[in-house]
PDB file of N, CA and C in Angstrom:
ATOM      1  N   GLY A   1     114.775 104.435 108.777  1.00  0.00           N
ATOM      2  CA  GLY A   1     113.943 104.077 109.997  1.00  0.00           C
ATOM      3  C   GLY A   1     114.402 102.811 110.219  1.00  0.00           C
ATOM      4  N   GLY A   2     113.756 101.642 110.875  1.00  0.00           N
ATOM      5  CA  GLY A   2     114.423 100.659 111.728  1.00  0.00           C
ATOM      6  C   GLY A   2     114.571  99.640 110.543  1.00  0.00           C
ATOM      7  N   LEU A   3     114.439  99.826 109.504  1.00  0.00           N
ATOM      8  CA  LEU A   3     114.991  98.779 108.587  1.00  0.00           C
ATOM      9  C   LEU A   3     116.188  98.933 108.116  1.00  0.00           C
ATOM     10  N   ARG A   4     117.482  97.872 108.181  1.00  0.00           N
ATOM     11  CA  ARG A   4     118.345  98.004 107.814  1.00  0.00           C
ATOM     12  C   ARG A   4     118.626  96.559 106.874  1.00  0.00           C
ATOM     13  N   GLY A   5     119.507  96.709 106.110  1.00  0.00           N
ATOM     14  CA  GLY A   5     120.124  95.856 104.791  1.00  0.00           C
ATOM     15  C   GLY A   5     118.868  95.951 103.515  1.00  0.00           C
ATOM     16  N   GLU A   6     119.574  95.956 102.385  1.00  0.00           N
ATOM     17  CA  GLU A   6     119.105  96.053 101.146  1.00  0.00           C
ATOM     18  C   GLU A   6     117.664  94.802 101.152  1.00  0.00           C
ATOM     19  N   SER A   7     118.245  93.259 101.368  1.00  0.00           N
ATOM     20  CA  SER A   7     117.194  92.435 101.254  1.00  0.00           C
ATOM     21  C   SER A   7     116.122  92.662 102.094  1.00  0.00           C
ATOM     22  N   VAL A   8     116.393  93.039 103.406  1.00  0.00           N
ATOM     23  CA  VAL A   8     115.396  93.144 104.669  1.00  0.00           C
ATOM     24  C   VAL A   8     114.213  94.430 103.749  1.00  0.00           C
ATOM     25  N   ILE A   9     115.027  95.375 103.542  1.00  0.00           N
ATOM     26  CA  ILE A   9     113.783  96.886 102.779  1.00  0.00           C
ATOM     27  C   ILE A   9     113.146  96.108 101.475  1.00  0.00           C
ATOM     28  N   GLN A  10     113.721  95.192 100.751  1.00  0.00           N
ATOM     29  CA  GLN A  10     113.262  94.504  99.593  1.00  0.00           C
ATOM     30  C   GLN A  10     112.163  94.083  99.555  1.00  0.00           C
ATOM     31  N   GLN A  11     112.156  92.702 101.046  1.00  0.00           N
ATOM     32  CA  GLN A  11     111.057  92.353 101.272  1.00  0.00           C
ATOM     33  C   GLN A  11     110.095  93.209 102.011  1.00  0.00           C
ATOM     34  N   VAL A  12     110.220  94.168 102.713  1.00  0.00           N
ATOM     35  CA  VAL A  12     109.268  94.809 103.184  1.00  0.00           C
ATOM     36  C   VAL A  12     108.328  95.587 102.459  1.00  0.00           C
ATOM     37  N   ILE A  13     109.056  96.194 101.325  1.00  0.00           N
ATOM     38  CA  ILE A  13     108.393  96.877 100.258  1.00  0.00           C
ATOM     39  C   ILE A  13     107.427  95.922  99.440  1.00  0.00           C
ATOM     40  N   LYS A  14     108.096  94.678  99.393  1.00  0.00           N
ATOM     41  CA  LYS A  14     107.183  93.399  98.070  1.00  0.00           C
ATOM     42  C   LYS A  14     106.092  93.506  98.773  1.00  0.00           C
ATOM     43  N   ALA A  15     106.165  93.277 100.348  1.00  0.00           N
ATOM     44  CA  ALA A  15     104.990  92.587 100.959  1.00  0.00           C
ATOM     45  C   ALA A  15     103.991  93.887 101.140  1.00  0.00           C
ATOM     46  N   THR A  16     104.577  95.088 101.137  1.00  0.00           N
ATOM     47  CA  THR A  16     103.496  96.651 101.359  1.00  0.00           C
ATOM     48  C   THR A  16     102.799  96.514  99.961  1.00  0.00           C
ATOM     49  N   HIS A  17     103.988  96.332  98.862  1.00  0.00           N
ATOM     50  CA  HIS A  17     102.919  96.306  97.925  1.00  0.00           C
ATOM     51  C   HIS A  17     102.078  95.524  97.664  1.00  0.00           C
ATOM     52  N   SER A  18     102.083  94.258  98.062  1.00  0.00           N
ATOM     53  CA  SER A  18     100.904  93.329  97.802  1.00  0.00           C
ATOM     54  C   SER A  18     100.302  93.493  98.406  1.00  0.00           C
ATOM     55  N   GLU A  19     100.080  94.118  99.706  1.00  0.00           N
ATOM     56  CA  GLU A  19      98.840  94.411 100.292  1.00  0.00           C
ATOM     57  C   GLU A  19      98.211  95.259  99.849  1.00  0.00           C
ATOM     58  N   ILE A  20      99.120  96.777  99.467  1.00  0.00           N
ATOM     59  CA  ILE A  20      98.351  97.801  98.800  1.00  0.00           C
ATOM     60  C   ILE A  20      97.388  97.682  97.601  1.00  0.00           C
ATOM     61  N   THR A  21      97.933  96.850  97.002  1.00  0.00           N
ATOM     62  CA  THR A  21      97.070  96.291  95.641  1.00  0.00           C
ATOM     63  C   THR A  21      95.599  96.034  95.571  1.00  0.00           C
ATOM     64  N   LYS A  22      95.542  95.368  97.230  1.00  0.00           N
ATOM     65  CA  LYS A  22      93.947  94.886  97.444  1.00  0.00           C
ATOM     66  C   LYS A  22      93.146  95.834  97.912  1.00  0.00           C
ATOM     67  N   TRP A  23      93.560  96.597  98.028  1.00  0.00           N
ATOM     68  CA  TRP A  23      93.014  98.103  98.649  1.00  0.00           C
ATOM     69  C   TRP A  23      91.881  98.504  98.040  1.00  0.00           C
ATOM     70  N   LYS A  24      90.838  99.330  98.940  1.00  0.00           N
ATOM     71  CA  LYS A  24      89.808  99.770  97.699  1.00  0.00           C
ATOM     72  C   LYS A  24      90.527 101.272  97.387  1.00  0.00           C
ATOM     73  N   LYS A  25      90.235 101.728  96.618  1.00  0.00           N
ATOM     74  CA  LYS A  25      90.322 103.160  96.006  1.00  0.00           C
ATOM     75  C   LYS A  25      89.916 103.888  96.964  1.00  0.00           C
ATOM     76  N   ASN A  26      90.998 105.094  97.242  1.00  0.00           N
ATOM     77  CA  ASN A  26      90.663 105.918  98.178  1.00  0.00           C
ATOM     78  C   ASN A  26      91.774 107.215  98.383  1.00  0.00           C
ATOM     79  N   LEU A  27      91.946 107.970  97.265  1.00  0.00           N
ATOM     80  CA  LEU A  27      92.904 108.604  97.067  1.00  0.00           C
ATOM     81  C   LEU A  27      92.339 110.146  97.009  1.00  0.00           C
ATOM     82  N   PHE A  28      93.029 110.864  97.356  1.00  0.00           N
ATOM     83  CA  PHE A  28      92.593 112.602  97.339  1.00  0.00           C
ATOM     84  C   PHE A  28      93.727 113.114  96.167  1.00  0.00           C
ATOM     85  N   VAL A  29      93.068 114.153  95.566  1.00  0.00           N
ATOM     86  CA  VAL A  29      93.674 114.989  94.545  1.00  0.00           C
ATOM     87  C   VAL A  29      94.862 115.410  95.169  1.00  0.00           C
ATOM     88  N   LEU A  30      96.014 115.386  94.479  1.00  0.00           N
ATOM     89  CA  LEU A  30      96.988 116.312  95.212  1.00  0.00           C
ATOM     90  C   LEU A  30      96.816 117.688  95.696  1.00  0.00           C
ATOM     91  N   PRO A  31      97.135 118.057  96.929  1.00  0.00           N
ATOM     92  CA  PRO A  31      96.801 119.425  97.378  1.00  0.00           C
ATOM     93  C   PRO A  31      98.025 120.326  96.565  1.00  0.00           C
ATOM     94  N   ARG A  32      97.644 121.692  96.358  1.00  0.00           N
ATOM     95  CA  ARG A  32      98.541 122.676  96.248  1.00  0.00           C
ATOM     96  C   ARG A  32      99.338 123.153  97.728  1.00  0.00           C
ATOM     97  N   GLY A  33     100.394 123.571  97.346  1.00  0.00           N
ATOM     98  CA  GLY A  33     101.071 124.336  98.488  1.00  0.00           C
ATOM     99  C   GLY A  33     102.078 123.477  98.670  1.00  0.00           C
ATOM    100  N   LYS A  34     102.865 123.496 100.141  1.00  0.00           N
ATOM    101  CA  LYS A  34     104.069 123.116 100.312  1.00  0.00           C
ATOM    102  C   LYS A  34     104.124 121.284 100.179  1.00  0.00           C
ATOM    103  N   ALA A  35     102.942 120.856 100.892  1.00  0.00           N
ATOM    104  CA  ALA A  35     102.681 119.481 100.906  1.00  0.00           C
ATOM    105  C   ALA A  35     102.667 119.312  99.594  1.00  0.00           C
ATOM    106  N   GLY A  36     102.441 119.472  98.378  1.00  0.00           N
ATOM    107  CA  GLY A  36     102.112 119.396  97.418  1.00  0.00           C
ATOM    108  C   GLY A  36     103.400 119.374  96.561  1.00  0.00           C
ATOM    109  N   VAL A  37     104.118 120.078  96.955  1.00  0.00           N
ATOM    110  CA  VAL A  37     105.570 120.578  96.046  1.00  0.00           C
ATOM    111  C   VAL A  37     106.585 119.573  96.928  1.00  0.00           C
ATOM    112  N   HIS A  38     106.502 119.140  98.352  1.00  0.00           N
ATOM    113  CA  HIS A  38     107.110 118.035  98.713  1.00  0.00           C
ATOM    114  C   HIS A  38     106.714 116.594  97.991  1.00  0.00           C
ATOM    115  N   PHE A  39     105.642 116.733  97.911  1.00  0.00           N
ATOM    116  CA  PHE A  39     105.323 115.261  97.263  1.00  0.00           C
ATOM    117  C   PHE A  39     105.783 115.279  96.386  1.00  0.00           C
ATOM    118  N   ILE A  40     105.882 116.135  95.064  1.00  0.00           N
ATOM    119  CA  ILE A  40     106.381 115.561  93.894  1.00  0.00           C
ATOM    120  C   ILE A  40     107.984 115.697  94.015  1.00  0.00           C
ATOM    121  N   ASN A  41     108.467 116.983  94.490  1.00  0.00           N
ATOM    122  CA  ASN A  41     110.144 116.544  94.859  1.00  0.00           C
ATOM    123  C   ASN A  41     110.434 115.174  95.260  1.00  0.00           C
ATOM    124  N   GLU A  42     109.649 114.265  95.825  1.00  0.00           N
ATOM    125  CA  GLU A  42     109.897 112.885  96.673  1.00  0.00           C
ATOM    126  C   GLU A  42     109.691 112.113  95.469  1.00  0.00           C
ATOM    127  N   MET A  43     108.841 112.188  94.708  1.00  0.00           N
ATOM    128  CA  MET A  43     108.379 111.371  93.557  1.00  0.00           C
ATOM    129  C   MET A  43     109.823 111.492  92.440  1.00  0.00           C
ATOM    130  N   THR A  44     110.230 112.849  92.425  1.00  0.00           N
ATOM    131  CA  THR A  44     110.769 112.996  91.525  1.00  0.00           C
ATOM    132  C   THR A  44     112.351 112.445  92.040  1.00  0.00           C
ATOM    133  N   ARG A  45     112.695 112.413  93.281  1.00  0.00           N
ATOM    134  CA  ARG A  45     113.909 111.933  93.718  1.00  0.00           C
ATOM    135  C   ARG A  45     113.764 110.192  93.668  1.00  0.00           C
ATOM    136  N   LEU A  46     112.514 109.534  93.659  1.00  0.00           N
ATOM    137  CA  LEU A  46     112.468 108.135  93.748  1.00  0.00           C
ATOM    138  C   LEU A  46     112.816 107.643  92.042  1.00  0.00           C
ATOM    139  N   ILE A  47     112.398 108.616  90.914  1.00  0.00           N
ATOM    140  CA  ILE A  47     112.870 108.307  89.433  1.00  0.00           C
ATOM    141  C   ILE A  47     113.850 108.618  89.431  1.00  0.00           C
ATOM    142  N   TYR A  48     114.806 109.567  89.709  1.00  0.00           N
ATOM    143  CA  TYR A  48     115.999 110.146  89.772  1.00  0.00           C
ATOM    144  C   TYR A  48     116.988 108.829  90.222  1.00  0.00           C
ATOM    145  N   LEU A  49     116.332 108.185  91.524  1.00  0.00           N
ATOM    146  CA  LEU A  49     117.152 106.913  91.847  1.00  0.00           C
ATOM    147  C   LEU A  49     117.391 105.981  91.188  1.00  0.00           C
ATOM    148  N   PHE A  50     116.322 105.581  90.088  1.00  0.00           N
ATOM    149  CA  PHE A  50     116.114 104.910  88.994  1.00  0.00           C
ATOM    150  C   PHE A  50     117.321 105.032  88.182  1.00  0.00           C
ATOM    151  N   THR A  51     116.814 106.709  87.672  1.00  0.00           N
ATOM    152  CA  THR A  51     117.527 106.617  86.173  1.00  0.00           C
ATOM    153  C   THR A  51     118.708 106.948  86.248  1.00  0.00           C
ATOM    154  N   ASP A  52     119.347 107.271  87.294  1.00  0.00           N
ATOM    155  CA  ASP A  52     120.745 107.892  87.731  1.00  0.00           C
ATOM    156  C   ASP A  52     121.775 106.557  87.804  1.00  0.00           C
ATOM    157  N   GLN A  53     120.991 105.432  87.616  1.00  0.00           N
ATOM    158  CA  GLN A  53     121.675 103.933  88.143  1.00  0.00           C
ATOM    159  C   GLN A  53     122.651 104.176  89.578  1.00  0.00           C
ATOM    160  N   THR A  54     121.714 104.468  90.731  1.00  0.00           N
ATOM    161  CA  THR A  54     122.088 104.751  91.924  1.00  0.00           C
ATOM    162  C   THR A  54     122.177 102.915  92.452  1.00  0.00           C
ATOM    163  N   ALA A  55     122.696 102.988  93.643  1.00  0.00           N
ATOM    164  CA  ALA A  55     122.678 101.579  94.434  1.00  0.00           C
ATOM    165  C   ALA A  55     120.885 101.412  94.865  1.00  0.00           C
ATOM    166  N   TRP A  56     120.098 102.503  94.789  1.00  0.00           N
ATOM    167  CA  TRP A  56     118.731 102.070  95.007  1.00  0.00           C
ATOM    168  C   TRP A  56     117.991 101.687  93.712  1.00  0.00           C
ATOM    169  N   LYS A  57     118.336 101.676  92.548  1.00  0.00           N
ATOM    170  CA  LYS A  57     117.885 101.400  91.424  1.00  0.00           C
ATOM    171  C   LYS A  57     117.046 100.126  91.353  1.00  0.00           C
ATOM    172  N   GLU A  58     117.322  99.134  91.980  1.00  0.00           N
ATOM    173  CA  GLU A  58     116.327  98.007  92.258  1.00  0.00           C
ATOM    174  C   GLU A  58     115.187  98.368  93.026  1.00  0.00           C
ATOM    175  N   LEU A  59     115.273  98.975  94.153  1.00  0.00           N
ATOM    176  CA  LEU A  59     114.100  99.072  95.004  1.00  0.00           C
ATOM    177  C   LEU A  59     113.433 100.675  94.465  1.00  0.00           C
ATOM    178  N   SER A  60     113.835 101.558  93.523  1.00  0.00           N
ATOM    179  CA  SER A  60     113.550 103.024  94.008  1.00  0.00           C
ATOM    180  C   SER A  60     112.076 103.029  92.982  1.00  0.00           C
ATOM    181  N   LEU A  61     111.720 101.990  91.954  1.00  0.00           N
ATOM    182  CA  LEU A  61     110.365 102.157  91.393  1.00  0.00           C
ATOM    183  C   LEU A  61     109.310 101.209  92.209  1.00  0.00           C
ATOM    184  N   SER A  62     109.807 100.264  93.056  1.00  0.00           N
ATOM    185  CA  SER A  62     108.998  99.470  93.883  1.00  0.00           C
ATOM    186  C   SER A  62     108.498 100.355  95.112  1.00  0.00           C
ATOM    187  N   MET A  63     109.373 101.382  95.528  1.00  0.00           N
ATOM    188  CA  MET A  63     109.642 102.235  96.401  1.00  0.00           C
ATOM    189  C   MET A  63     108.218 103.548  96.126  1.00  0.00           C
ATOM    190  N   LEU A  64     108.580 103.698  94.895  1.00  0.00           N
ATOM    191  CA  LEU A  64     107.388 104.584  94.240  1.00  0.00           C
ATOM    192  C   LEU A  64     106.166 104.105  94.315  1.00  0.00           C
ATOM    193  N   HIS A  65     105.870 102.991  93.843  1.00  0.00           N
ATOM    194  CA  HIS A  65     104.957 102.305  93.860  1.00  0.00           C
ATOM    195  C   HIS A  65     103.680 102.383  94.817  1.00  0.00           C
ATOM    196  N   ILE A  66     104.730 102.024  96.357  1.00  0.00           N
ATOM    197  CA  ILE A  66     103.655 102.039  97.071  1.00  0.00           C
ATOM    198  C   ILE A  66     103.760 103.402  98.063  1.00  0.00           C
ATOM    199  N   PHE A  67     104.707 104.545  97.259  1.00  0.00           N
ATOM    200  CA  PHE A  67     104.723 105.656  98.319  1.00  0.00           C
ATOM    201  C   PHE A  67     103.527 106.478  97.504  1.00  0.00           C
ATOM    202  N   ILE A  68     102.759 106.696  96.317  1.00  0.00           N
ATOM    203  CA  ILE A  68     101.496 107.300  96.053  1.00  0.00           C
ATOM    204  C   ILE A  68     100.610 106.866  96.598  1.00  0.00           C
ATOM    205  N   PRO A  69     100.193 105.534  96.837  1.00  0.00           N
ATOM    206  CA  PRO A  69      99.133 105.524  97.579  1.00  0.00           C
ATOM    207  C   PRO A  69      99.070 105.312  99.352  1.00  0.00           C
ATOM    208  N   LEU A  70     100.597 105.566  99.721  1.00  0.00           N
ATOM    209  CA  LEU A  70     100.439 105.232 101.255  1.00  0.00           C
ATOM    210  C   LEU A  70     100.339 107.116 101.058  1.00  0.00           C
ATOM    211  N   MET A  71     100.904 108.274 100.747  1.00  0.00           N
ATOM    212  CA  MET A  71     100.869 109.536 100.446  1.00  0.00           C
ATOM    213  C   MET A  71      99.199 109.934 100.446  1.00  0.00           C
ATOM    214  N   LEU A  72      98.640 109.319  99.255  1.00  0.00           N
ATOM    215  CA  LEU A  72      96.882 109.765  99.083  1.00  0.00           C
ATOM    216  C   LEU A  72      96.054 109.377  99.892  1.00  0.00           C
ATOM    217  N   GLN A  73      96.007 108.471 100.679  1.00  0.00           N
ATOM    218  CA  GLN A  73      94.901 107.855 101.359  1.00  0.00           C
ATOM    219  C   GLN A  73      94.202 109.173 101.795  1.00  0.00           C
ATOM    220  N   LYS A  74      92.760 109.005 101.238  1.00  0.00           N
ATOM    221  CA  LYS A  74      92.039 110.195 102.033  1.00  0.00           C
ATOM    222  C   LYS A  74      91.361 109.797 103.395  1.00  0.00           C
ATOM    223  N   PRO A  75      91.779 110.739 104.348  1.00  0.00           N
ATOM    224  CA  PRO A  75      91.599 109.903 106.160  1.00  0.00           C
ATOM    225  C   PRO A  75      90.406 110.286 106.122  1.00  0.00           C
ATOM    226  N   SER A  76      89.510 110.799 105.799  1.00  0.00           N
ATOM    227  CA  SER A  76      87.991 110.273 105.831  1.00  0.00           C
ATOM    228  C   SER A  76      87.395 110.640 104.286  1.00  0.00           C
ATOM    229  N   PRO A  77      85.950 109.928 104.063  1.00  0.00           N
ATOM    230  CA  PRO A  77      85.480 109.780 102.799  1.00  0.00           C
ATOM    231  C   PRO A  77      84.836 111.292 102.711  1.00  0.00           C
ATOM    232  N   ASN A  78      84.936 112.149 103.380  1.00  0.00           N
ATOM    233  CA  ASN A  78      84.705 113.941 102.916  1.00  0.00           C
ATOM    234  C   ASN A  78      85.838 114.425 103.630  1.00  0.00           C
ATOM    235  N   SER A  79      86.693 114.360 103.713  1.00  0.00           N
ATOM    236  CA  SER A  79      87.991 115.386 103.887  1.00  0.00           C
ATOM    237  C   SER A  79      87.926 116.517 103.102  1.00  0.00           C
ATOM    238  N   LYS A  80      88.537 117.462 103.443  1.00  0.00           N
ATOM    239  CA  LYS A  80      88.734 118.977 102.707  1.00  0.00           C
ATOM    240  C   LYS A  80      90.047 118.805 102.657  1.00  0.00           C
ATOM    241  N   ALA A  81      90.382 119.779 101.108  1.00  0.00           N
ATOM    242  CA  ALA A  81      91.719 119.623 100.827  1.00  0.00           C
ATOM    243  C   ALA A  81      92.411 119.927 101.825  1.00  0.00           C
ATOM    244  N   LYS A  82      92.260 120.824 102.786  1.00  0.00           N
ATOM    245  CA  LYS A  82      93.194 121.725 103.803  1.00  0.00           C
ATOM    246  C   LYS A  82      93.625 120.051 104.921  1.00  0.00           C
ATOM    247  N   ILE A  83      92.608 119.489 105.189  1.00  0.00           N
ATOM    248  CA  ILE A  83      92.983 118.284 106.051  1.00  0.00           C
ATOM    249  C   ILE A  83      93.982 117.310 105.279  1.00  0.00           C
ATOM    250  N   ASN A  84      93.512 117.265 103.991  1.00  0.00           N
ATOM    251  CA  ASN A  84      94.222 116.209 103.396  1.00  0.00           C
ATOM    252  C   ASN A  84      96.009 117.249 103.226  1.00  0.00           C
ATOM    253  N   ALA A  85      95.958 118.086 102.910  1.00  0.00           N
ATOM    254  CA  ALA A  85      97.148 118.682 103.270  1.00  0.00           C
ATOM    255  C   ALA A  85      98.102 118.571 104.666  1.00  0.00           C
ATOM    256  N   LYS A  86      97.079 118.600 105.603  1.00  0.00           N
ATOM    257  CA  LYS A  86      97.981 118.578 106.599  1.00  0.00           C
ATOM    258  C   LYS A  86      98.335 116.851 106.916  1.00  0.00           C
ATOM    259  N   PHE A  87      97.472 115.929 106.806  1.00  0.00           N
ATOM    260  CA  PHE A  87      97.967 114.996 106.646  1.00  0.00           C
ATOM    261  C   PHE A  87      98.953 114.298 105.523  1.00  0.00           C
ATOM    262  N   LEU A  88      99.026 114.843 104.566  1.00  0.00           N
ATOM    263  CA  LEU A  88     100.152 114.442 103.368  1.00  0.00           C
ATOM    264  C   LEU A  88     101.509 115.088 104.051  1.00  0.00           C
ATOM    265  N   ALA A  89     101.161 116.136 104.619  1.00  0.00           N
ATOM    266  CA  ALA A  89     102.863 116.967 105.485  1.00  0.00           C
ATOM    267  C   ALA A  89     103.168 115.830 106.600  1.00  0.00           C
ATOM    268  N   GLU A  90     102.371 115.421 107.388  1.00  0.00           N
ATOM    269  CA  GLU A  90     102.736 114.156 108.393  1.00  0.00           C
ATOM    270  C   GLU A  90     103.020 113.097 107.744  1.00  0.00           C
ATOM    271  N   ARG A  91     102.597 112.720 106.641  1.00  0.00           N
ATOM    272  CA  ARG A  91     102.948 110.958 106.151  1.00  0.00           C
ATOM    273  C   ARG A  91     104.328 111.626 105.553  1.00  0.00           C
ATOM    274  N   LEU A  92     104.352 112.504 104.876  1.00  0.00           N
ATOM    275  CA  LEU A  92     105.718 112.568 104.222  1.00  0.00           C
ATOM    276  C   LEU A  92     107.248 112.961 105.193  1.00  0.00           C
ATOM    277  N   ALA A  93     106.584 113.435 106.580  1.00  0.00           N
ATOM    278  CA  ALA A  93     107.500 113.391 107.353  1.00  0.00           C
ATOM    279  C   ALA A  93     107.944 112.422 108.008  1.00  0.00           C
ATOM    280  N   LYS A  94     106.789 111.124 107.889  1.00  0.00           N
ATOM    281  CA  LYS A  94     107.184 109.655 108.321  1.00  0.00           C
ATOM    282  C   LYS A  94     107.897 109.049 107.276  1.00  0.00           C
ATOM    283  N   TRP A  95     107.387 109.492 105.779  1.00  0.00           N
ATOM    284  CA  TRP A  95     108.609 108.872 104.951  1.00  0.00           C
ATOM    285  C   TRP A  95     109.686 109.068 104.702  1.00  0.00           C
ATOM    286  N   SER A  96     109.588 110.348 105.148  1.00  0.00           N
ATOM    287  CA  SER A  96     111.220 110.851 104.914  1.00  0.00           C
ATOM    288  C   SER A  96     112.007 110.241 106.681  1.00  0.00           C
ATOM    289  N   GLU A  97     111.552 109.805 107.402  1.00  0.00           N
ATOM    290  CA  GLU A  97     112.106 109.429 108.868  1.00  0.00           C
ATOM    291  C   GLU A  97     112.504 107.643 108.364  1.00  0.00           C
ATOM    292  N   GLY A  98     111.925 107.116 107.395  1.00  0.00           N
ATOM    293  CA  GLY A  98     111.708 105.967 107.221  1.00  0.00           C
ATOM    294  C   GLY A  98     110.843 105.348 108.179  1.00  0.00           C
ATOM    295  N   ASP A  99     109.924 105.722 108.473  1.00  0.00           N
ATOM    296  CA  ASP A  99     108.700 104.939 109.381  1.00  0.00           C
ATOM    297  C   ASP A  99     107.370 104.326 108.529  1.00  0.00           C
ATOM    298  N   LEU A 100     108.104 103.445 107.664  1.00  0.00           N
ATOM    299  CA  LEU A 100     106.947 102.249 106.830  1.00  0.00           C
ATOM    300  C   LEU A 100     106.117 102.130 107.744  1.00  0.00           C
ATOM    301  N   GLN A 101     106.245 101.193 108.811  1.00  0.00           N
ATOM    302  CA  GLN A 101     105.411 100.807 109.869  1.00  0.00           C
ATOM    303  C   GLN A 101     104.223 101.635 110.162  1.00  0.00           C
ATOM    304  N   SER A 102     104.380 102.716 110.576  1.00  0.00           N
ATOM    305  CA  SER A 102     103.558 103.765 110.820  1.00  0.00           C
ATOM    306  C   SER A 102     102.568 104.358 110.109  1.00  0.00           C
ATOM    307  N   LEU A 103     103.586 104.396 108.544  1.00  0.00           N
ATOM    308  CA  LEU A 103     102.534 104.732 107.812  1.00  0.00           C
ATOM    309  C   LEU A 103     101.419 103.593 107.128  1.00  0.00           C
ATOM    310  N   MET A 104     101.877 102.186 107.028  1.00  0.00           N
ATOM    311  CA  MET A 104     101.100 101.049 106.941  1.00  0.00           C
ATOM    312  C   MET A 104      99.762 100.955 108.117  1.00  0.00           C
ATOM    313  N   ASP A 105     100.273 101.485 109.189  1.00  0.00           N
ATOM    314  CA  ASP A 105      99.204 101.304 110.322  1.00  0.00           C
ATOM    315  C   ASP A 105      98.446 102.270 109.943  1.00  0.00           C
ATOM    316  N   GLU A 106      98.504 103.380 109.534  1.00  0.00           N
ATOM    317  CA  GLU A 106      97.540 104.504 109.311  1.00  0.00           C
ATOM    318  C   GLU A 106      96.615 104.225 108.150  1.00  0.00           C
ATOM    319  N   ALA A 107      97.598 103.714 107.213  1.00  0.00           N
ATOM    320  CA  ALA A 107      96.576 103.195 105.873  1.00  0.00           C
ATOM    321  C   ALA A 107      95.655 101.992 106.185  1.00  0.00           C
ATOM    322  N   ARG A 108      96.118 101.269 106.583  1.00  0.00           N
ATOM    323  CA  ARG A 108      95.234 100.123 106.975  1.00  0.00           C
ATOM    324  C   ARG A 108      93.716 100.403 108.082  1.00  0.00           C
ATOM    325  N   GLU A 109      94.085 101.356 109.016  1.00  0.00           N
ATOM    326  CA  GLU A 109      93.194 101.969 109.641  1.00  0.00           C
ATOM    327  C   GLU A 109      91.745 102.684 108.923  1.00  0.00           C
ATOM    328  N   ILE A 110      92.506 103.195 107.884  1.00  0.00           N
ATOM    329  CA  ILE A 110      91.906 103.906 107.043  1.00  0.00           C
ATOM    330  C   ILE A 110      90.750 102.996 105.651  1.00  0.00           C
ATOM    331  N   GLN A 111      91.749 102.084 105.551  1.00  0.00           N
ATOM    332  CA  GLN A 111      91.018 101.228 104.545  1.00  0.00           C
ATOM    333  C   GLN A 111      90.238 100.238 105.864  1.00  0.00           C
ATOM    334  N   VAL A 112      89.892  99.964 106.639  1.00  0.00           N
ATOM    335  CA  VAL A 112      89.224  99.238 107.522  1.00  0.00           C
ATOM    336  C   VAL A 112      88.021 100.304 107.981  1.00  0.00           C
ATOM    337  N   ARG A 113      88.070 101.340 108.073  1.00  0.00           N
ATOM    338  CA  ARG A 113      86.899 102.274 108.340  1.00  0.00           C
ATOM    339  C   ARG A 113      86.244 102.163 106.859  1.00  0.00           C
ATOM    340  N   LEU A 114      86.540 102.387 105.686  1.00  0.00           N
ATOM    341  CA  LEU A 114      86.285 102.545 104.635  1.00  0.00           C
ATOM    342  C   LEU A 114      85.640 101.330 104.145  1.00  0.00           C
ATOM    343  N   ALA A 115      86.166  99.992 104.422  1.00  0.00           N
ATOM    344  CA  ALA A 115      85.222  98.707 104.341  1.00  0.00           C
ATOM    345  C   ALA A 115      84.150  98.832 105.276  1.00  0.00           C
ATOM    346  N   GLN A 116      84.226  99.353 106.393  1.00  0.00           N
ATOM    347  CA  GLN A 116      83.009  99.264 107.496  1.00  0.00           C
ATOM    348  C   GLN A 116      81.885 100.119 106.709  1.00  0.00           C
ATOM    349  N   SER A 117      82.619 101.463 106.205  1.00  0.00           N
ATOM    350  CA  SER A 117      81.549 102.307 105.784  1.00  0.00           C
ATOM    351  C   SER A 117      80.651 101.990 104.678  1.00  0.00           C
ATOM    352  N   VAL A 118      81.228 101.139 103.576  1.00  0.00           N
ATOM    353  CA  VAL A 118      80.620 100.459 102.427  1.00  0.00           C
ATOM    354  C   VAL A 118      79.466  99.508 102.945  1.00  0.00           C
ATOM    355  N   LYS A 119      80.211  98.644 103.851  1.00  0.00           N
ATOM    356  CA  LYS A 119      78.864  97.776 104.668  1.00  0.00           C
ATOM    357  C   LYS A 119      77.865  98.443 105.327  1.00  0.00           C
ATOM    358  N   SER A 120      77.916  99.225 105.863  1.00  0.00           N
ATOM    359  CA  SER A 120      76.676  99.686 106.652  1.00  0.00           C
ATOM    360  C   SER A 120      75.857 100.523 105.644  1.00  0.00           C
ATOM    361  N   LYS A 121      76.688 101.094 104.166  1.00  0.00           N
ATOM    362  CA  LYS A 121      75.650 101.821 103.388  1.00  0.00           C
ATOM    363  C   LYS A 121      74.729 100.643 102.510  1.00  0.00           C
ATOM    364  N   GLU A 122      75.598  99.492 102.649  1.00  0.00           N
ATOM    365  CA  GLU A 122      74.638  98.097 101.894  1.00  0.00           C
ATOM    366  C   GLU A 122      73.529  97.691 102.764  1.00  0.00           C
ATOM    367  N   VAL A 123      73.928  97.890 104.021  1.00  0.00           N
ATOM    368  CA  VAL A 123      72.617  97.349 104.952  1.00  0.00           C
ATOM    369  C   VAL A 123      71.672  98.544 104.781  1.00  0.00           C
ATOM    370  N   SER A 124      71.820  99.818 105.003  1.00  0.00           N
ATOM    371  CA  SER A 124      70.866 100.821 104.854  1.00  0.00           C
ATOM    372  C   SER A 124      70.508 100.647 103.443  1.00  0.00           C
ATOM    373  N   CYS A 125      70.686 100.093 102.306  1.00  0.00           N
ATOM    374  CA  CYS A 125      70.284 100.419 100.813  1.00  0.00           C
ATOM    375  C   CYS A 125      69.149  99.183 101.087  1.00  0.00           C
ATOM    376  N   HIS A 126      69.554  98.021 101.864  1.00  0.00           N
ATOM    377  CA  HIS A 126      68.814  96.805 101.557  1.00  0.00           C
ATOM    378  C   HIS A 126      67.748  97.210 102.306  1.00  0.00           C
ATOM    379  N   VAL A 127      67.610  97.986 103.708  1.00  0.00           N
ATOM    380  CA  VAL A 127      66.610  98.091 104.721  1.00  0.00           C
ATOM    381  C   VAL A 127      65.735  98.926 103.840  1.00  0.00           C
ATOM    382  N   ALA A 128      66.360  99.891 103.056  1.00  0.00           N
ATOM    383  CA  ALA A 128      65.483 100.908 102.498  1.00  0.00           C
ATOM    384  C   ALA A 128      64.322 100.386 101.899  1.00  0.00           C
ATOM    385  N   PHE A 129      65.017  99.240 100.857  1.00  0.00           N
ATOM    386  CA  PHE A 129      64.039  98.703  99.930  1.00  0.00           C
ATOM    387  C   PHE A 129      63.780  97.496 100.319  1.00  0.00           C
TER     388      PHE A 129
END
């Protein structure tokens, strides 16, 4: 992606992690098939970057912590497994390109919609009673 230099990447990952920890839980179950296998392979790769004492050792676990919630965000509250697999494949492609900004933009939009749906449910509940 557009990130160059270990310190810049570390700052972006730290800021991303800080933001993600405040999100509402909205994860789908890992789908079967190619997208699920690619997800597991990338998780394994990130863990190996840590255990094999690579140059990425300092960043690999932080990357893993942001990888999971970015990849497994439900695109909508009632999304089906087939749609989830499609979104996961697209997100994995963005991740492999290093397009963290696009992934964060998508996840932020999902979180905004999630917050709006929760507010509308609260309003509906108050109106009903």
